[in-house]
mmCIF file of all heavy atoms, coordinates in Angstrom:
data_MODEL
# 
_entry.id   MODEL 
# 
loop_
_atom_site.group_PDB 
_atom_site.id 
_atom_site.type_symbol 
_atom_site.label_atom_id 
_atom_site.label_alt_id 
_atom_site.label_comp_id 
_atom_site.label_asym_id 
_atom_site.label_entity_id 
_atom_site.label_seq_id 
_atom_site.pdbx_PDB_ins_code 
_atom_site.Cartn_x 
_atom_site.Cartn_y 
_atom_site.Cartn_z 
_atom_site.occupancy 
_atom_site.B_iso_or_equiv 
_atom_site.pdbx_formal_charge 
_atom_site.auth_seq_id 
_atom_site.auth_comp_id 
_atom_site.auth_asym_id 
_atom_site.auth_atom_id 
_atom_site.pdbx_PDB_model_num 
ATOM 1   N N   . GLY A 1 1  ? -5.790 28.147 -63.368 1.00 0.00 ? 1  GLY A N   1 
ATOM 2   C CA  . GLY A 1 1  ? -4.582 28.261 -62.563 1.00 0.00 ? 1  GLY A CA  1 
ATOM 3   C C   . GLY A 1 1  ? -4.885 28.646 -61.130 1.00 0.00 ? 1  GLY A C   1 
ATOM 4   O O   . GLY A 1 1  ? -6.013 28.912 -60.749 1.00 0.00 ? 1  GLY A O   1 
ATOM 5   N N   . VAL A 1 2  ? -3.847 28.665 -60.342 1.00 0.00 ? 2  VAL A N   1 
ATOM 6   C CA  . VAL A 1 2  ? -3.957 29.069 -58.948 1.00 0.00 ? 2  VAL A CA  1 
ATOM 7   C C   . VAL A 1 2  ? -3.339 30.457 -58.817 1.00 0.00 ? 2  VAL A C   1 
ATOM 8   O O   . VAL A 1 2  ? -2.227 30.688 -59.268 1.00 0.00 ? 2  VAL A O   1 
ATOM 9   C CB  . VAL A 1 2  ? -3.218 28.071 -58.027 1.00 0.00 ? 2  VAL A CB  1 
ATOM 10  C CG1 . VAL A 1 2  ? -3.240 28.553 -56.591 1.00 0.00 ? 2  VAL A CG1 1 
ATOM 11  C CG2 . VAL A 1 2  ? -3.830 26.687 -58.141 1.00 0.00 ? 2  VAL A CG2 1 
ATOM 12  N N   . ALA A 1 3  ? -4.062 31.361 -58.218 1.00 0.00 ? 3  ALA A N   1 
ATOM 13  C CA  . ALA A 1 3  ? -3.555 32.709 -57.990 1.00 0.00 ? 3  ALA A CA  1 
ATOM 14  C C   . ALA A 1 3  ? -2.892 32.756 -56.623 1.00 0.00 ? 3  ALA A C   1 
ATOM 15  O O   . ALA A 1 3  ? -3.480 32.329 -55.626 1.00 0.00 ? 3  ALA A O   1 
ATOM 16  C CB  . ALA A 1 3  ? -4.680 33.733 -58.066 1.00 0.00 ? 3  ALA A CB  1 
ATOM 17  N N   . VAL A 1 4  ? -1.664 33.258 -56.579 1.00 0.00 ? 4  VAL A N   1 
ATOM 18  C CA  . VAL A 1 4  ? -0.920 33.362 -55.324 1.00 0.00 ? 4  VAL A CA  1 
ATOM 19  C C   . VAL A 1 4  ? -0.885 34.829 -54.913 1.00 0.00 ? 4  VAL A C   1 
ATOM 20  O O   . VAL A 1 4  ? -0.393 35.680 -55.669 1.00 0.00 ? 4  VAL A O   1 
ATOM 21  C CB  . VAL A 1 4  ? 0.513  32.807 -55.480 1.00 0.00 ? 4  VAL A CB  1 
ATOM 22  C CG1 . VAL A 1 4  ? 1.290  32.977 -54.185 1.00 0.00 ? 4  VAL A CG1 1 
ATOM 23  C CG2 . VAL A 1 4  ? 0.480  31.343 -55.901 1.00 0.00 ? 4  VAL A CG2 1 
ATOM 24  N N   . TYR A 1 5  ? -1.418 35.121 -53.731 1.00 0.00 ? 5  TYR A N   1 
ATOM 25  C CA  . TYR A 1 5  ? -1.470 36.483 -53.205 1.00 0.00 ? 5  TYR A CA  1 
ATOM 26  C C   . TYR A 1 5  ? -0.547 36.585 -51.995 1.00 0.00 ? 5  TYR A C   1 
ATOM 27  O O   . TYR A 1 5  ? -0.682 35.824 -51.048 1.00 0.00 ? 5  TYR A O   1 
ATOM 28  C CB  . TYR A 1 5  ? -2.894 36.849 -52.793 1.00 0.00 ? 5  TYR A CB  1 
ATOM 29  C CG  . TYR A 1 5  ? -3.857 36.911 -53.958 1.00 0.00 ? 5  TYR A CG  1 
ATOM 30  C CD1 . TYR A 1 5  ? -4.596 35.793 -54.326 1.00 0.00 ? 5  TYR A CD1 1 
ATOM 31  C CD2 . TYR A 1 5  ? -4.020 38.069 -54.695 1.00 0.00 ? 5  TYR A CD2 1 
ATOM 32  C CE1 . TYR A 1 5  ? -5.475 35.840 -55.394 1.00 0.00 ? 5  TYR A CE1 1 
ATOM 33  C CE2 . TYR A 1 5  ? -4.898 38.124 -55.771 1.00 0.00 ? 5  TYR A CE2 1 
ATOM 34  C CZ  . TYR A 1 5  ? -5.623 37.005 -56.106 1.00 0.00 ? 5  TYR A CZ  1 
ATOM 35  O OH  . TYR A 1 5  ? -6.487 37.054 -57.172 1.00 0.00 ? 5  TYR A OH  1 
ATOM 36  N N   . VAL A 1 6  ? 0.369  37.542 -52.036 1.00 0.00 ? 6  VAL A N   1 
ATOM 37  C CA  . VAL A 1 6  ? 1.326  37.739 -50.946 1.00 0.00 ? 6  VAL A CA  1 
ATOM 38  C C   . VAL A 1 6  ? 1.028  39.073 -50.263 1.00 0.00 ? 6  VAL A C   1 
ATOM 39  O O   . VAL A 1 6  ? 0.984  40.122 -50.914 1.00 0.00 ? 6  VAL A O   1 
ATOM 40  C CB  . VAL A 1 6  ? 2.776  37.736 -51.472 1.00 0.00 ? 6  VAL A CB  1 
ATOM 41  C CG1 . VAL A 1 6  ? 3.756  37.993 -50.341 1.00 0.00 ? 6  VAL A CG1 1 
ATOM 42  C CG2 . VAL A 1 6  ? 3.087  36.419 -52.156 1.00 0.00 ? 6  VAL A CG2 1 
ATOM 43  N N   . ASP A 1 7  ? 0.837  39.019 -48.969 1.00 0.00 ? 7  ASP A N   1 
ATOM 44  C CA  . ASP A 1 7  ? 0.595  40.199 -48.149 1.00 0.00 ? 7  ASP A CA  1 
ATOM 45  C C   . ASP A 1 7  ? 1.889  41.010 -48.054 1.00 0.00 ? 7  ASP A C   1 
ATOM 46  O O   . ASP A 1 7  ? 2.906  40.508 -47.583 1.00 0.00 ? 7  ASP A O   1 
ATOM 47  C CB  . ASP A 1 7  ? 0.143  39.744 -46.765 1.00 0.00 ? 7  ASP A CB  1 
ATOM 48  C CG  . ASP A 1 7  ? -0.255 40.868 -45.826 1.00 0.00 ? 7  ASP A CG  1 
ATOM 49  O OD1 . ASP A 1 7  ? 0.040  42.045 -46.131 1.00 0.00 ? 7  ASP A OD1 1 
ATOM 50  O OD2 . ASP A 1 7  ? -0.842 40.561 -44.775 1.00 0.00 ? 7  ASP A OD2 1 
ATOM 51  N N   . VAL A 1 8  ? 1.852  42.256 -48.524 1.00 0.00 ? 8  VAL A N   1 
ATOM 52  C CA  . VAL A 1 8  ? 3.032  43.122 -48.460 1.00 0.00 ? 8  VAL A CA  1 
ATOM 53  C C   . VAL A 1 8  ? 2.742  44.353 -47.601 1.00 0.00 ? 8  VAL A C   1 
ATOM 54  O O   . VAL A 1 8  ? 3.359  45.400 -47.750 1.00 0.00 ? 8  VAL A O   1 
ATOM 55  C CB  . VAL A 1 8  ? 3.524  43.534 -49.879 1.00 0.00 ? 8  VAL A CB  1 
ATOM 56  C CG1 . VAL A 1 8  ? 4.069  42.341 -50.619 1.00 0.00 ? 8  VAL A CG1 1 
ATOM 57  C CG2 . VAL A 1 8  ? 2.431  44.222 -50.679 1.00 0.00 ? 8  VAL A CG2 1 
ATOM 58  N N   . SER A 1 9  ? 1.822  44.198 -46.647 1.00 0.00 ? 9  SER A N   1 
ATOM 59  C CA  . SER A 1 9  ? 1.461  45.311 -45.769 1.00 0.00 ? 9  SER A CA  1 
ATOM 60  C C   . SER A 1 9  ? 2.570  45.566 -44.759 1.00 0.00 ? 9  SER A C   1 
ATOM 61  O O   . SER A 1 9  ? 3.530  44.801 -44.653 1.00 0.00 ? 9  SER A O   1 
ATOM 62  C CB  . SER A 1 9  ? 0.150  44.993 -45.045 1.00 0.00 ? 9  SER A CB  1 
ATOM 63  O OG  . SER A 1 9  ? 0.331  43.895 -44.178 1.00 0.00 ? 9  SER A OG  1 
ATOM 64  N N   . GLY A 1 10 ? 2.417  46.615 -44.002 1.00 0.00 ? 10 GLY A N   1 
ATOM 65  C CA  . GLY A 1 10 ? 3.418  47.001 -43.013 1.00 0.00 ? 10 GLY A CA  1 
ATOM 66  C C   . GLY A 1 10 ? 3.718  45.937 -41.979 1.00 0.00 ? 10 GLY A C   1 
ATOM 67  O O   . GLY A 1 10 ? 4.869  45.762 -41.568 1.00 0.00 ? 10 GLY A O   1 
ATOM 68  N N   . SER A 1 11 ? 2.701  45.180 -41.552 1.00 0.00 ? 11 SER A N   1 
ATOM 69  C CA  . SER A 1 11 ? 2.921  44.151 -40.522 1.00 0.00 ? 11 SER A CA  1 
ATOM 70  C C   . SER A 1 11 ? 3.745  42.971 -41.028 1.00 0.00 ? 11 SER A C   1 
ATOM 71  O O   . SER A 1 11 ? 4.241  42.175 -40.248 1.00 0.00 ? 11 SER A O   1 
ATOM 72  C CB  . SER A 1 11 ? 1.579  43.636 -39.990 1.00 0.00 ? 11 SER A CB  1 
ATOM 73  O OG  . SER A 1 11 ? 0.838  43.008 -41.015 1.00 0.00 ? 11 SER A OG  1 
ATOM 74  N N   . MET A 1 12 ? 3.908  42.865 -42.325 1.00 0.00 ? 12 MET A N   1 
ATOM 75  C CA  . MET A 1 12 ? 4.666  41.761 -42.919 1.00 0.00 ? 12 MET A CA  1 
ATOM 76  C C   . MET A 1 12 ? 6.114  42.152 -43.230 1.00 0.00 ? 12 MET A C   1 
ATOM 77  O O   . MET A 1 12 ? 6.903  41.321 -43.667 1.00 0.00 ? 12 MET A O   1 
ATOM 78  C CB  . MET A 1 12 ? 3.990  41.314 -44.222 1.00 0.00 ? 12 MET A CB  1 
ATOM 79  C CG  . MET A 1 12 ? 2.654  40.650 -44.030 1.00 0.00 ? 12 MET A CG  1 
ATOM 80  S SD  . MET A 1 12 ? 2.817  38.988 -43.414 1.00 0.00 ? 12 MET A SD  1 
ATOM 81  C CE  . MET A 1 12 ? 3.563  38.191 -44.823 1.00 0.00 ? 12 MET A CE  1 
ATOM 82  N N   . HIS A 1 13 ? 6.453  43.404 -42.989 1.00 0.00 ? 13 HIS A N   1 
ATOM 83  C CA  . HIS A 1 13 ? 7.756  43.931 -43.401 1.00 0.00 ? 13 HIS A CA  1 
ATOM 84  C C   . HIS A 1 13 ? 8.934  43.070 -42.931 1.00 0.00 ? 13 HIS A C   1 
ATOM 85  O O   . HIS A 1 13 ? 9.832  42.750 -43.704 1.00 0.00 ? 13 HIS A O   1 
ATOM 86  C CB  . HIS A 1 13 ? 7.923  45.374 -42.919 1.00 0.00 ? 13 HIS A CB  1 
ATOM 87  C CG  . HIS A 1 13 ? 9.205  45.996 -43.336 1.00 0.00 ? 13 HIS A CG  1 
ATOM 88  N ND1 . HIS A 1 13 ? 9.458  46.381 -44.635 1.00 0.00 ? 13 HIS A ND1 1 
ATOM 89  C CD2 . HIS A 1 13 ? 10.322 46.269 -42.636 1.00 0.00 ? 13 HIS A CD2 1 
ATOM 90  C CE1 . HIS A 1 13 ? 10.674 46.874 -44.706 1.00 0.00 ? 13 HIS A CE1 1 
ATOM 91  N NE2 . HIS A 1 13 ? 11.227 46.829 -43.511 1.00 0.00 ? 13 HIS A NE2 1 
ATOM 92  N N   . SER A 1 14 ? 8.929  42.661 -41.674 1.00 0.00 ? 14 SER A N   1 
ATOM 93  C CA  . SER A 1 14 ? 10.078 41.911 -41.147 1.00 0.00 ? 14 SER A CA  1 
ATOM 94  C C   . SER A 1 14 ? 10.151 40.474 -41.664 1.00 0.00 ? 14 SER A C   1 
ATOM 95  O O   . SER A 1 14 ? 11.217 39.866 -41.670 1.00 0.00 ? 14 SER A O   1 
ATOM 96  C CB  . SER A 1 14 ? 10.063 41.917 -39.619 1.00 0.00 ? 14 SER A CB  1 
ATOM 97  O OG  . SER A 1 14 ? 8.928  41.238 -39.144 1.00 0.00 ? 14 SER A OG  1 
ATOM 98  N N   . THR A 1 15 ? 9.030  39.910 -42.095 1.00 0.00 ? 15 THR A N   1 
ATOM 99  C CA  . THR A 1 15 ? 9.022  38.520 -42.557 1.00 0.00 ? 15 THR A CA  1 
ATOM 100 C C   . THR A 1 15 ? 9.043  38.379 -44.078 1.00 0.00 ? 15 THR A C   1 
ATOM 101 O O   . THR A 1 15 ? 9.168  37.269 -44.585 1.00 0.00 ? 15 THR A O   1 
ATOM 102 C CB  . THR A 1 15 ? 7.788  37.780 -42.011 1.00 0.00 ? 15 THR A CB  1 
ATOM 103 O OG1 . THR A 1 15 ? 6.609  38.468 -42.439 1.00 0.00 ? 15 THR A OG1 1 
ATOM 104 C CG2 . THR A 1 15 ? 7.827  37.691 -40.514 1.00 0.00 ? 15 THR A CG2 1 
ATOM 105 N N   . LEU A 1 16 ? 8.936  39.480 -44.799 1.00 0.00 ? 16 LEU A N   1 
ATOM 106 C CA  . LEU A 1 16 ? 8.912  39.403 -46.263 1.00 0.00 ? 16 LEU A CA  1 
ATOM 107 C C   . LEU A 1 16 ? 10.143 38.739 -46.875 1.00 0.00 ? 16 LEU A C   1 
ATOM 108 O O   . LEU A 1 16 ? 9.993  37.980 -47.833 1.00 0.00 ? 16 LEU A O   1 
ATOM 109 C CB  . LEU A 1 16 ? 8.687  40.782 -46.883 1.00 0.00 ? 16 LEU A CB  1 
ATOM 110 C CG  . LEU A 1 16 ? 7.232  41.191 -47.020 1.00 0.00 ? 16 LEU A CG  1 
ATOM 111 C CD1 . LEU A 1 16 ? 7.121  42.600 -47.575 1.00 0.00 ? 16 LEU A CD1 1 
ATOM 112 C CD2 . LEU A 1 16 ? 6.455  40.221 -47.876 1.00 0.00 ? 16 LEU A CD2 1 
ATOM 113 N N   . PRO A 1 17 ? 11.351 38.969 -46.381 1.00 0.00 ? 17 PRO A N   1 
ATOM 114 C CA  . PRO A 1 17 ? 12.494 38.280 -46.994 1.00 0.00 ? 17 PRO A CA  1 
ATOM 115 C C   . PRO A 1 17 ? 12.348 36.750 -46.982 1.00 0.00 ? 17 PRO A C   1 
ATOM 116 O O   . PRO A 1 17 ? 12.658 36.085 -47.968 1.00 0.00 ? 17 PRO A O   1 
ATOM 117 C CB  . PRO A 1 17 ? 13.686 38.727 -46.136 1.00 0.00 ? 17 PRO A CB  1 
ATOM 118 C CG  . PRO A 1 17 ? 13.275 40.060 -45.613 1.00 0.00 ? 17 PRO A CG  1 
ATOM 119 C CD  . PRO A 1 17 ? 11.794 39.949 -45.378 1.00 0.00 ? 17 PRO A CD  1 
ATOM 120 N N   . LYS A 1 18 ? 11.840 36.208 -45.888 1.00 0.00 ? 18 LYS A N   1 
ATOM 121 C CA  . LYS A 1 18 ? 11.632 34.757 -45.807 1.00 0.00 ? 18 LYS A CA  1 
ATOM 122 C C   . LYS A 1 18 ? 10.558 34.309 -46.795 1.00 0.00 ? 18 LYS A C   1 
ATOM 123 O O   . LYS A 1 18 ? 10.718 33.308 -47.500 1.00 0.00 ? 18 LYS A O   1 
ATOM 124 C CB  . LYS A 1 18 ? 11.240 34.371 -44.382 1.00 0.00 ? 18 LYS A CB  1 
ATOM 125 C CG  . LYS A 1 18 ? 11.074 32.893 -44.184 1.00 0.00 ? 18 LYS A CG  1 
ATOM 126 C CD  . LYS A 1 18 ? 10.752 32.598 -42.738 1.00 0.00 ? 18 LYS A CD  1 
ATOM 127 C CE  . LYS A 1 18 ? 10.640 31.106 -42.502 1.00 0.00 ? 18 LYS A CE  1 
ATOM 128 N NZ  . LYS A 1 18 ? 10.378 30.793 -41.102 1.00 0.00 ? 18 LYS A NZ  1 
ATOM 129 N N   . VAL A 1 19 ? 9.454  35.049 -46.853 1.00 0.00 ? 19 VAL A N   1 
ATOM 130 C CA  . VAL A 1 19 ? 8.363  34.730 -47.772 1.00 0.00 ? 19 VAL A CA  1 
ATOM 131 C C   . VAL A 1 19 ? 8.853  34.797 -49.214 1.00 0.00 ? 19 VAL A C   1 
ATOM 132 O O   . VAL A 1 19 ? 8.585  33.902 -50.022 1.00 0.00 ? 19 VAL A O   1 
ATOM 133 C CB  . VAL A 1 19 ? 7.167  35.688 -47.564 1.00 0.00 ? 19 VAL A CB  1 
ATOM 134 C CG1 . VAL A 1 19 ? 6.130  35.506 -48.653 1.00 0.00 ? 19 VAL A CG1 1 
ATOM 135 C CG2 . VAL A 1 19 ? 6.561  35.488 -46.191 1.00 0.00 ? 19 VAL A CG2 1 
ATOM 136 N N   . LEU A 1 20 ? 9.587  35.841 -49.529 1.00 0.00 ? 20 LEU A N   1 
ATOM 137 C CA  . LEU A 1 20 ? 10.075 36.016 -50.898 1.00 0.00 ? 20 LEU A CA  1 
ATOM 138 C C   . LEU A 1 20 ? 11.075 34.938 -51.283 1.00 0.00 ? 20 LEU A C   1 
ATOM 139 O O   . LEU A 1 20 ? 11.114 34.503 -52.441 1.00 0.00 ? 20 LEU A O   1 
ATOM 140 C CB  . LEU A 1 20 ? 10.674 37.407 -51.066 1.00 0.00 ? 20 LEU A CB  1 
ATOM 141 C CG  . LEU A 1 20 ? 9.687  38.562 -50.853 1.00 0.00 ? 20 LEU A CG  1 
ATOM 142 C CD1 . LEU A 1 20 ? 10.389 39.904 -50.979 1.00 0.00 ? 20 LEU A CD1 1 
ATOM 143 C CD2 . LEU A 1 20 ? 8.516  38.483 -51.816 1.00 0.00 ? 20 LEU A CD2 1 
ATOM 144 N N   . SER A 1 21 ? 11.868 34.465 -50.340 1.00 0.00 ? 21 SER A N   1 
ATOM 145 C CA  . SER A 1 21 ? 12.808 33.384 -50.669 1.00 0.00 ? 21 SER A CA  1 
ATOM 146 C C   . SER A 1 21 ? 12.067 32.081 -50.945 1.00 0.00 ? 21 SER A C   1 
ATOM 147 O O   . SER A 1 21 ? 12.466 31.309 -51.815 1.00 0.00 ? 21 SER A O   1 
ATOM 148 C CB  . SER A 1 21 ? 13.840 33.200 -49.559 1.00 0.00 ? 21 SER A CB  1 
ATOM 149 O OG  . SER A 1 21 ? 13.250 32.666 -48.408 1.00 0.00 ? 21 SER A OG  1 
ATOM 150 N N   . VAL A 1 22 ? 10.981 31.829 -50.232 1.00 0.00 ? 22 VAL A N   1 
ATOM 151 C CA  . VAL A 1 22 ? 10.169 30.631 -50.487 1.00 0.00 ? 22 VAL A CA  1 
ATOM 152 C C   . VAL A 1 22 ? 9.519  30.734 -51.865 1.00 0.00 ? 22 VAL A C   1 
ATOM 153 O O   . VAL A 1 22 ? 9.540  29.778 -52.646 1.00 0.00 ? 22 VAL A O   1 
ATOM 154 C CB  . VAL A 1 22 ? 9.097  30.439 -49.390 1.00 0.00 ? 22 VAL A CB  1 
ATOM 155 C CG1 . VAL A 1 22 ? 8.099  29.369 -49.785 1.00 0.00 ? 22 VAL A CG1 1 
ATOM 156 C CG2 . VAL A 1 22 ? 9.749  30.096 -48.071 1.00 0.00 ? 22 VAL A CG2 1 
ATOM 157 N N   . ILE A 1 23 ? 8.980  31.891 -52.184 1.00 0.00 ? 23 ILE A N   1 
ATOM 158 C CA  . ILE A 1 23 ? 8.363  32.087 -53.497 1.00 0.00 ? 23 ILE A CA  1 
ATOM 159 C C   . ILE A 1 23 ? 9.393  31.923 -54.596 1.00 0.00 ? 23 ILE A C   1 
ATOM 160 O O   . ILE A 1 23 ? 9.142  31.299 -55.624 1.00 0.00 ? 23 ILE A O   1 
ATOM 161 C CB  . ILE A 1 23 ? 7.676  33.464 -53.564 1.00 0.00 ? 23 ILE A CB  1 
ATOM 162 C CG1 . ILE A 1 23 ? 6.428  33.444 -52.686 1.00 0.00 ? 23 ILE A CG1 1 
ATOM 163 C CG2 . ILE A 1 23 ? 7.313  33.827 -54.996 1.00 0.00 ? 23 ILE A CG2 1 
ATOM 164 C CD1 . ILE A 1 23 ? 5.772  34.760 -52.513 1.00 0.00 ? 23 ILE A CD1 1 
ATOM 165 N N   . SER A 1 24 ? 10.564 32.456 -54.384 1.00 0.00 ? 24 SER A N   1 
ATOM 166 C CA  . SER A 1 24 ? 11.642 32.340 -55.365 1.00 0.00 ? 24 SER A CA  1 
ATOM 167 C C   . SER A 1 24 ? 12.014 30.883 -55.616 1.00 0.00 ? 24 SER A C   1 
ATOM 168 O O   . SER A 1 24 ? 12.293 30.491 -56.748 1.00 0.00 ? 24 SER A O   1 
ATOM 169 C CB  . SER A 1 24 ? 12.861 33.119 -54.884 1.00 0.00 ? 24 SER A CB  1 
ATOM 170 O OG  . SER A 1 24 ? 13.899 33.015 -55.812 1.00 0.00 ? 24 SER A OG  1 
# 
């Protein structure tokens, strides 16, 4: 399989909602 790693560090805080919607 392919492992998907999402950066959840502090610098990603403002963009996480967009990333999470794409993953969803």
